[in-house]
């Protein structure tokens, strides 16, 4: 029974880390750009953050401040190196 519990703990911990990272990304973007982004619209795959359902002006603003945002993200998120925002 313990092995089954440990198996599910691995998945639960990964989900918690994923949600926590999305919250950090939303906070840092809000700090740098001043716009709230829903965590449901944030994805992280292989160190690349993808933003869904964002208008072009917001994406341009994020692109302009991308260096600062990436620097802040990599300070805050230790589990995954964030290389780019798309």
PDB file of N, CA and C in Angstrom:
ATOM      1  N   UNK A   1       0.820  -1.192   0.000  1.00  0.00           N
ATOM      2  CA  UNK A   1       0.000   0.000   0.000  1.00  0.00           C
ATOM      3  C   UNK A   1       0.864   1.257   0.000  1.00  0.00           C
ATOM      4  N   UNK A   2       2.023   1.193   0.670  1.00  0.00           N
ATOM      5  CA  UNK A   2       2.892   2.367   0.707  1.00  0.00           C
ATOM      6  C   UNK A   2       3.443   2.700  -0.672  1.00  0.00           C
ATOM      7  N   UNK A   3       3.732   1.685  -1.476  1.00  0.00           N
ATOM      8  CA  UNK A   3       4.274   1.968  -2.805  1.00  0.00           C
ATOM      9  C   UNK A   3       3.245   2.680  -3.674  1.00  0.00           C
ATOM     10  N   UNK A   4       1.984   2.338  -3.528  1.00  0.00           N
ATOM     11  CA  UNK A   4       0.924   3.006  -4.281  1.00  0.00           C
ATOM     12  C   UNK A   4       0.776   4.450  -3.812  1.00  0.00           C
ATOM     13  N   UNK A   5       0.859   4.661  -2.520  1.00  0.00           N
ATOM     14  CA  UNK A   5       0.767   6.010  -1.980  1.00  0.00           C
ATOM     15  C   UNK A   5       1.939   6.865  -2.462  1.00  0.00           C
ATOM     16  N   UNK A   6       3.135   6.295  -2.463  1.00  0.00           N
ATOM     17  CA  UNK A   6       4.309   7.003  -2.957  1.00  0.00           C
ATOM     18  C   UNK A   6       4.203   7.343  -4.430  1.00  0.00           C
ATOM     19  N   UNK A   7       3.600   6.443  -5.180  1.00  0.00           N
ATOM     20  CA  UNK A   7       3.390   6.661  -6.609  1.00  0.00           C
ATOM     21  C   UNK A   7       2.512   7.897  -6.844  1.00  0.00           C
ATOM     22  N   UNK A   8       1.419   8.005  -6.110  1.00  0.00           N
ATOM     23  CA  UNK A   8       0.531   9.140  -6.268  1.00  0.00           C
ATOM     24  C   UNK A   8       1.121  10.420  -5.695  1.00  0.00           C
ATOM     25  N   UNK A   9       1.965  10.313  -4.676  1.00  0.00           N
ATOM     26  CA  UNK A   9       2.634  11.492  -4.128  1.00  0.00           C
ATOM     27  C   UNK A   9       3.523  12.162  -5.167  1.00  0.00           C
ATOM     28  N   UNK A  10       4.170  11.379  -6.019  1.00  0.00           N
ATOM     29  CA  UNK A  10       5.018  11.946  -7.067  1.00  0.00           C
ATOM     30  C   UNK A  10       4.198  12.843  -7.984  1.00  0.00           C
ATOM     31  N   UNK A  11       3.030  12.371  -8.393  1.00  0.00           N
ATOM     32  CA  UNK A  11       2.182  13.160  -9.282  1.00  0.00           C
ATOM     33  C   UNK A  11       1.628  14.393  -8.583  1.00  0.00           C
ATOM     34  N   UNK A  12       1.229  14.231  -7.346  1.00  0.00           N
ATOM     35  CA  UNK A  12       0.684  15.359  -6.598  1.00  0.00           C
ATOM     36  C   UNK A  12       1.737  16.443  -6.434  1.00  0.00           C
ATOM     37  N   UNK A  13       2.971  16.053  -6.126  1.00  0.00           N
ATOM     38  CA  UNK A  13       4.044  17.021  -5.953  1.00  0.00           C
ATOM     39  C   UNK A  13       4.356  17.745  -7.259  1.00  0.00           C
ATOM     40  N   UNK A  14       4.321  17.034  -8.372  1.00  0.00           N
ATOM     41  CA  UNK A  14       4.574  17.668  -9.669  1.00  0.00           C
ATOM     42  C   UNK A  14       3.494  18.684 -10.004  1.00  0.00           C
ATOM     43  N   UNK A  15       2.267  18.359  -9.699  1.00  0.00           N
ATOM     44  CA  UNK A  15       1.159  19.276  -9.974  1.00  0.00           C
ATOM     45  C   UNK A  15       1.292  20.517  -9.103  1.00  0.00           C
ATOM     46  N   UNK A  16       1.637  20.341  -7.854  1.00  0.00           N
ATOM     47  CA  UNK A  16       1.800  21.483  -6.942  1.00  0.00           C
ATOM     48  C   UNK A  16       2.913  22.400  -7.440  1.00  0.00           C
ATOM     49  N   UNK A  17       4.028  21.835  -7.859  1.00  0.00           N
ATOM     50  CA  UNK A  17       5.145  22.633  -8.373  1.00  0.00           C
ATOM     51  C   UNK A  17       4.738  23.357  -9.650  1.00  0.00           C
ATOM     52  N   UNK A  18       4.016  22.682 -10.530  1.00  0.00           N
ATOM     53  CA  UNK A  18       3.558  23.290 -11.785  1.00  0.00           C
ATOM     54  C   UNK A  18       2.653  24.489 -11.517  1.00  0.00           C
ATOM     55  N   UNK A  19       1.697  24.340 -10.631  1.00  0.00           N
ATOM     56  CA  UNK A  19       0.779  25.435 -10.310  1.00  0.00           C
ATOM     57  C   UNK A  19       1.537  26.571  -9.632  1.00  0.00           C
ATOM     58  N   UNK A  20       2.436  26.245  -8.741  1.00  0.00           N
ATOM     59  CA  UNK A  20       3.223  27.263  -8.050  1.00  0.00           C
ATOM     60  C   UNK A  20       4.073  28.056  -9.057  1.00  0.00           C
ATOM     61  N   UNK A  21       4.675  27.376 -10.022  1.00  0.00           N
ATOM     62  CA  UNK A  21       5.465  28.058 -11.041  1.00  0.00           C
ATOM     63  C   UNK A  21       4.602  28.987 -11.890  1.00  0.00           C
ATOM     64  N   UNK A  22       3.397  28.556 -12.221  1.00  0.00           N
ATOM     65  CA  UNK A  22       2.491  29.414 -12.986  1.00  0.00           C
ATOM     66  C   UNK A  22       2.101  30.658 -12.197  1.00  0.00           C
ATOM     67  N   UNK A  23       1.898  30.498 -10.900  1.00  0.00           N
ATOM     68  CA  UNK A  23       1.577  31.649 -10.043  1.00  0.00           C
ATOM     69  C   UNK A  23       2.759  32.616 -10.021  1.00  0.00           C
ATOM     70  N   UNK A  24       3.974  32.097  -9.897  1.00  0.00           N
ATOM     71  CA  UNK A  24       5.168  32.945  -9.917  1.00  0.00           C
ATOM     72  C   UNK A  24       5.274  33.712 -11.231  1.00  0.00           C
ATOM     73  N   UNK A  25       5.016  33.037 -12.345  1.00  0.00           N
ATOM     74  CA  UNK A  25       5.089  33.685 -13.657  1.00  0.00           C
ATOM     75  C   UNK A  25       4.064  34.807 -13.744  1.00  0.00           C
ATOM     76  N   UNK A  26       2.850  34.548 -13.312  1.00  0.00           N
ATOM     77  CA  UNK A  26       1.798  35.573 -13.344  1.00  0.00           C
ATOM     78  C   UNK A  26       2.182  36.773 -12.474  1.00  0.00           C
ATOM     79  N   UNK A  27       2.747  36.514 -11.291  1.00  0.00           N
ATOM     80  CA  UNK A  27       3.155  37.593 -10.383  1.00  0.00           C
ATOM     81  C   UNK A  27       4.263  38.442 -10.997  1.00  0.00           C
ATOM     82  N   UNK A  28       5.242  37.795 -11.606  1.00  0.00           N
ATOM     83  CA  UNK A  28       6.380  38.522 -12.165  1.00  0.00           C
ATOM     84  C   UNK A  28       5.964  39.325 -13.390  1.00  0.00           C
ATOM     85  N   UNK A  29       5.086  38.767 -14.208  1.00  0.00           N
ATOM     86  CA  UNK A  29       4.591  39.527 -15.355  1.00  0.00           C
ATOM     87  C   UNK A  29       3.777  40.726 -14.886  1.00  0.00           C
ATOM     88  N   UNK A  30       2.973  40.542 -13.852  1.00  0.00           N
ATOM     89  CA  UNK A  30       2.192  41.660 -13.314  1.00  0.00           C
ATOM     90  C   UNK A  30       3.114  42.741 -12.754  1.00  0.00           C
ATOM     91  N   UNK A  31       4.178  42.321 -12.076  1.00  0.00           N
ATOM     92  CA  UNK A  31       5.122  43.280 -11.510  1.00  0.00           C
ATOM     93  C   UNK A  31       5.823  44.086 -12.601  1.00  0.00           C
ATOM     94  N   UNK A  32       6.203  43.444 -13.685  1.00  0.00           N
ATOM     95  CA  UNK A  32       6.973  44.108 -14.739  1.00  0.00           C
ATOM     96  C   UNK A  32       6.110  44.813 -15.783  1.00  0.00           C
ATOM     97  N   UNK A  33       4.933  44.266 -16.074  1.00  0.00           N
ATOM     98  CA  UNK A  33       4.097  44.813 -17.142  1.00  0.00           C
ATOM     99  C   UNK A  33       2.860  45.506 -16.581  1.00  0.00           C
ATOM    100  N   UNK A  34       2.368  45.050 -15.436  1.00  0.00           N
ATOM    101  CA  UNK A  34       1.203  45.664 -14.825  1.00  0.00           C
ATOM    102  C   UNK A  34      -0.125  45.078 -15.264  1.00  0.00           C
ATOM    103  N   UNK A  35      -0.093  43.857 -15.807  1.00  0.00           N
ATOM    104  CA  UNK A  35      -1.319  43.219 -16.294  1.00  0.00           C
ATOM    105  C   UNK A  35      -1.458  41.848 -15.651  1.00  0.00           C
ATOM    106  N   UNK A  36      -2.680  41.549 -15.208  1.00  0.00           N
ATOM    107  CA  UNK A  36      -2.957  40.226 -14.651  1.00  0.00           C
ATOM    108  C   UNK A  36      -3.145  39.214 -15.774  1.00  0.00           C
ATOM    109  N   UNK A  37      -2.539  38.047 -15.612  1.00  0.00           N
ATOM    110  CA  UNK A  37      -2.737  36.940 -16.540  1.00  0.00           C
ATOM    111  C   UNK A  37      -3.242  35.759 -15.716  1.00  0.00           C
ATOM    112  N   UNK A  38      -4.310  35.137 -16.177  1.00  0.00           N
ATOM    113  CA  UNK A  38      -4.851  33.960 -15.506  1.00  0.00           C
ATOM    114  C   UNK A  38      -3.835  32.824 -15.583  1.00  0.00           C
ATOM    115  N   UNK A  39      -3.684  32.063 -14.504  1.00  0.00           N
ATOM    116  CA  UNK A  39      -2.704  30.967 -14.524  1.00  0.00           C
ATOM    117  C   UNK A  39      -3.117  29.859 -15.487  1.00  0.00           C
ATOM    118  N   UNK A  40      -4.400  29.807 -15.841  1.00  0.00           N
ATOM    119  CA  UNK A  40      -4.859  28.817 -16.817  1.00  0.00           C
ATOM    120  C   UNK A  40      -4.319  29.126 -18.213  1.00  0.00           C
ATOM    121  N   UNK A  41      -3.921  30.371 -18.451  1.00  0.00           N
ATOM    122  CA  UNK A  41      -3.412  30.795 -19.749  1.00  0.00           C
ATOM    123  C   UNK A  41      -1.894  30.737 -19.836  1.00  0.00           C
ATOM    124  N   UNK A  42      -1.267  30.141 -18.851  1.00  0.00           N
ATOM    125  CA  UNK A  42       0.194  30.027 -18.814  1.00  0.00           C
ATOM    126  C   UNK A  42       0.572  28.557 -18.925  1.00  0.00           C
ATOM    127  N   UNK A  43       1.497  28.270 -19.811  1.00  0.00           N
ATOM    128  CA  UNK A  43       2.006  26.917 -19.965  1.00  0.00           C
ATOM    129  C   UNK A  43       3.527  26.919 -19.915  1.00  0.00           C
ATOM    130  N   UNK A  44       4.105  25.839 -19.412  1.00  0.00           N
ATOM    131  CA  UNK A  44       5.561  25.706 -19.357  1.00  0.00           C
ATOM    132  C   UNK A  44       5.917  24.353 -19.959  1.00  0.00           C
ATOM    133  N   UNK A  45       6.674  24.388 -21.060  1.00  0.00           N
ATOM    134  CA  UNK A  45       7.118  23.156 -21.698  1.00  0.00           C
ATOM    135  C   UNK A  45       8.596  23.315 -22.041  1.00  0.00           C
ATOM    136  N   UNK A  46       9.415  22.459 -21.496  1.00  0.00           N
ATOM    137  CA  UNK A  46      10.855  22.441 -21.787  1.00  0.00           C
ATOM    138  C   UNK A  46      11.503  23.810 -21.581  1.00  0.00           C
ATOM    139  N   UNK A  47      11.126  24.494 -20.525  1.00  0.00           N
ATOM    140  CA  UNK A  47      11.739  25.778 -20.203  1.00  0.00           C
ATOM    141  C   UNK A  47      11.232  26.952 -21.019  1.00  0.00           C
ATOM    142  N   UNK A  48      10.182  26.750 -21.789  1.00  0.00           N
ATOM    143  CA  UNK A  48       9.589  27.823 -22.585  1.00  0.00           C
ATOM    144  C   UNK A  48       8.189  28.110 -22.056  1.00  0.00           C
ATOM    145  N   UNK A  49       7.974  29.354 -21.682  1.00  0.00           N
ATOM    146  CA  UNK A  49       6.675  29.785 -21.178  1.00  0.00           C
ATOM    147  C   UNK A  49       5.825  30.208 -22.369  1.00  0.00           C
ATOM    148  N   UNK A  50       4.631  29.654 -22.464  1.00  0.00           N
ATOM    149  CA  UNK A  50       3.701  30.051 -23.515  1.00  0.00           C
ATOM    150  C   UNK A  50       2.498  30.739 -22.880  1.00  0.00           C
ATOM    151  N   UNK A  51       2.091  31.823 -23.496  1.00  0.00           N
ATOM    152  CA  UNK A  51       0.940  32.579 -23.022  1.00  0.00           C
ATOM    153  C   UNK A  51      -0.186  32.428 -24.028  1.00  0.00           C
ATOM    154  N   UNK A  52      -1.318  31.962 -23.556  1.00  0.00           N
ATOM    155  CA  UNK A  52      -2.484  31.771 -24.412  1.00  0.00           C
ATOM    156  C   UNK A  52      -3.500  32.874 -24.135  1.00  0.00           C
ATOM    157  N   UNK A  53      -4.308  33.168 -25.131  1.00  0.00           N
ATOM    158  CA  UNK A  53      -5.407  34.137 -25.003  1.00  0.00           C
ATOM    159  C   UNK A  53      -4.937  35.519 -24.568  1.00  0.00           C
ATOM    160  N   UNK A  54      -3.760  35.923 -25.039  1.00  0.00           N
ATOM    161  CA  UNK A  54      -3.250  37.261 -24.753  1.00  0.00           C
ATOM    162  C   UNK A  54      -3.276  38.069 -26.041  1.00  0.00           C
ATOM    163  N   UNK A  55      -3.617  39.341 -25.930  1.00  0.00           N
ATOM    164  CA  UNK A  55      -3.637  40.177 -27.124  1.00  0.00           C
ATOM    165  C   UNK A  55      -2.211  40.547 -27.548  1.00  0.00           C
ATOM    166  N   UNK A  56      -2.081  41.028 -28.749  1.00  0.00           N
ATOM    167  CA  UNK A  56      -0.760  41.304 -29.315  1.00  0.00           C
ATOM    168  C   UNK A  56      -0.037  42.435 -28.590  1.00  0.00           C
ATOM    169  N   UNK A  57      -0.765  43.427 -28.136  1.00  0.00           N
ATOM    170  CA  UNK A  57      -0.112  44.531 -27.439  1.00  0.00           C
ATOM    171  C   UNK A  57       0.506  44.056 -26.122  1.00  0.00           C
ATOM    172  N   UNK A  58      -0.171  43.147 -25.425  1.00  0.00           N
ATOM    173  CA  UNK A  58       0.386  42.590 -24.195  1.00  0.00           C
ATOM    174  C   UNK A  58       1.630  41.760 -24.499  1.00  0.00           C
ATOM    175  N   UNK A  59       1.565  40.938 -25.534  1.00  0.00           N
ATOM    176  CA  UNK A  59       2.731  40.139 -25.903  1.00  0.00           C
ATOM    177  C   UNK A  59       3.904  41.025 -26.318  1.00  0.00           C
ATOM    178  N   UNK A  60       3.626  42.140 -27.009  1.00  0.00           N
ATOM    179  CA  UNK A  60       4.692  43.070 -27.373  1.00  0.00           C
ATOM    180  C   UNK A  60       5.318  43.710 -26.143  1.00  0.00           C
ATOM    181  N   UNK A  61       4.501  44.071 -25.189  1.00  0.00           N
ATOM    182  CA  UNK A  61       4.997  44.659 -23.937  1.00  0.00           C
ATOM    183  C   UNK A  61       5.884  43.659 -23.191  1.00  0.00           C
ATOM    184  N   UNK A  62       5.450  42.406 -23.155  1.00  0.00           N
ATOM    185  CA  UNK A  62       6.244  41.357 -22.504  1.00  0.00           C
ATOM    186  C   UNK A  62       7.541  41.142 -23.263  1.00  0.00           C
ATOM    187  N   UNK A  63       7.489  41.168 -24.590  1.00  0.00           N
ATOM    188  CA  UNK A  63       8.685  40.981 -25.398  1.00  0.00           C
ATOM    189  C   UNK A  63       9.705  42.099 -25.149  1.00  0.00           C
ATOM    190  N   UNK A  64       9.217  43.331 -25.005  1.00  0.00           N
ATOM    191  CA  UNK A  64      10.101  44.464 -24.740  1.00  0.00           C
ATOM    192  C   UNK A  64      10.821  44.284 -23.402  1.00  0.00           C
ATOM    193  N   UNK A  65      10.128  43.768 -22.414  1.00  0.00           N
ATOM    194  CA  UNK A  65      10.690  43.600 -21.071  1.00  0.00           C
ATOM    195  C   UNK A  65      11.113  42.164 -20.796  1.00  0.00           C
ATOM    196  N   UNK A  66      11.315  41.385 -21.855  1.00  0.00           N
ATOM    197  CA  UNK A  66      11.580  39.949 -21.710  1.00  0.00           C
ATOM    198  C   UNK A  66      12.851  39.653 -20.908  1.00  0.00           C
ATOM    199  N   UNK A  67      13.913  40.397 -21.138  1.00  0.00           N
ATOM    200  CA  UNK A  67      15.177  40.147 -20.430  1.00  0.00           C
ATOM    201  C   UNK A  67      14.979  40.251 -18.917  1.00  0.00           C
ATOM    202  N   UNK A  68      14.317  41.305 -18.470  1.00  0.00           N
ATOM    203  CA  UNK A  68      14.072  41.512 -17.036  1.00  0.00           C
ATOM    204  C   UNK A  68      13.138  40.438 -16.483  1.00  0.00           C
ATOM    205  N   UNK A  69      12.111  40.107 -17.242  1.00  0.00           N
ATOM    206  CA  UNK A  69      11.163  39.084 -16.795  1.00  0.00           C
ATOM    207  C   UNK A  69      11.857  37.731 -16.664  1.00  0.00           C
ATOM    208  N   UNK A  70      12.663  37.360 -17.656  1.00  0.00           N
ATOM    209  CA  UNK A  70      13.375  36.078 -17.596  1.00  0.00           C
ATOM    210  C   UNK A  70      14.352  36.045 -16.425  1.00  0.00           C
ATOM    211  N   UNK A  71      15.026  37.142 -16.180  1.00  0.00           N
ATOM    212  CA  UNK A  71      15.958  37.217 -15.055  1.00  0.00           C
ATOM    213  C   UNK A  71      15.217  37.005 -13.730  1.00  0.00           C
ATOM    214  N   UNK A  72      14.085  37.694 -13.573  1.00  0.00           N
ATOM    215  CA  UNK A  72      13.278  37.547 -12.353  1.00  0.00           C
ATOM    216  C   UNK A  72      12.722  36.134 -12.215  1.00  0.00           C
ATOM    217  N   UNK A  73      12.276  35.552 -13.340  1.00  0.00           N
ATOM    218  CA  UNK A  73      11.723  34.193 -13.293  1.00  0.00           C
ATOM    219  C   UNK A  73      12.775  33.183 -12.864  1.00  0.00           C
ATOM    220  N   UNK A  74      13.969  33.287 -13.407  1.00  0.00           N
ATOM    221  CA  UNK A  74      15.003  32.314 -13.074  1.00  0.00           C
ATOM    222  C   UNK A  74      15.526  32.481 -11.655  1.00  0.00           C
ATOM    223  N   UNK A  75      15.373  33.678 -11.072  1.00  0.00           N
ATOM    224  CA  UNK A  75      15.698  33.850  -9.655  1.00  0.00           C
ATOM    225  C   UNK A  75      14.652  33.168  -8.781  1.00  0.00           C
ATOM    226  N   UNK A  76      13.383  33.286  -9.185  1.00  0.00           N
ATOM    227  CA  UNK A  76      12.269  32.787  -8.372  1.00  0.00           C
ATOM    228  C   UNK A  76      12.032  31.287  -8.552  1.00  0.00           C
ATOM    229  N   UNK A  77      12.120  30.804  -9.802  1.00  0.00           N
ATOM    230  CA  UNK A  77      11.829  29.399 -10.088  1.00  0.00           C
ATOM    231  C   UNK A  77      13.141  28.644 -10.177  1.00  0.00           C
ATOM    232  N   UNK A  78      13.384  27.793  -9.226  1.00  0.00           N
ATOM    233  CA  UNK A  78      14.638  27.031  -9.176  1.00  0.00           C
ATOM    234  C   UNK A  78      14.519  25.671  -9.849  1.00  0.00           C
ATOM    235  N   UNK A  79      13.312  25.142  -9.949  1.00  0.00           N
ATOM    236  CA  UNK A  79      13.143  23.774 -10.451  1.00  0.00           C
ATOM    237  C   UNK A  79      13.309  23.664 -11.955  1.00  0.00           C
ATOM    238  N   UNK A  80      13.039  24.739 -12.695  1.00  0.00           N
ATOM    239  CA  UNK A  80      13.111  24.724 -14.153  1.00  0.00           C
ATOM    240  C   UNK A  80      13.773  26.005 -14.628  1.00  0.00           C
ATOM    241  N   UNK A  81      14.733  25.889 -15.538  1.00  0.00           N
ATOM    242  CA  UNK A  81      15.336  27.086 -16.126  1.00  0.00           C
ATOM    243  C   UNK A  81      14.422  27.573 -17.233  1.00  0.00           C
ATOM    244  N   UNK A  82      13.983  28.800 -17.115  1.00  0.00           N
ATOM    245  CA  UNK A  82      13.119  29.402 -18.121  1.00  0.00           C
ATOM    246  C   UNK A  82      14.003  30.079 -19.155  1.00  0.00           C
ATOM    247  N   UNK A  83      13.903  29.640 -20.401  1.00  0.00           N
ATOM    248  CA  UNK A  83      14.759  30.143 -21.468  1.00  0.00           C
ATOM    249  C   UNK A  83      14.074  31.183 -22.353  1.00  0.00           C
ATOM    250  N   UNK A  84      12.751  31.110 -22.486  1.00  0.00           N
ATOM    251  CA  UNK A  84      12.071  32.011 -23.413  1.00  0.00           C
ATOM    252  C   UNK A  84      10.603  32.151 -23.024  1.00  0.00           C
ATOM    253  N   UNK A  85      10.001  33.217 -23.551  1.00  0.00           N
ATOM    254  CA  UNK A  85       8.570  33.461 -23.377  1.00  0.00           C
ATOM    255  C   UNK A  85       7.981  33.660 -24.754  1.00  0.00           C
ATOM    256  N   UNK A  86       6.938  32.916 -25.054  1.00  0.00           N
ATOM    257  CA  UNK A  86       6.288  33.045 -26.363  1.00  0.00           C
ATOM    258  C   UNK A  86       4.811  33.262 -26.186  1.00  0.00           C
TER     259      UNK A  86
END
